[in-house]
């Protein structure tokens, strides 16, 4: 009985190892992260995640604050101002 449970345990351990090896191989095929790049990659991931989360939280808050002070009819002009400001900012950042 003990030998059978030990045998089952070793089979489960081997299957888990094979699965882990497969997942590691799949991960390396999908993302070409070389040795020494893990910290930088995770830092970039968390930076992008934080920026996107802040954007999706700040955007509705700013629109609702605008609508508490101004009428709904002025909302399209806000969109135009944001587009022009974004274009100017992008031009200034990307110009040599």
Foldseek 3Di string as FASTA:
>chain_A
DVVVVVVVVVVVVVVVVVVVVVVVVVVCVVDVQDPPCPVVVVVVVVVVVVVVVCCVVVVVVVVVVVVVVDPPVCVVVVVVVVVVVVVVVVCVVPPD
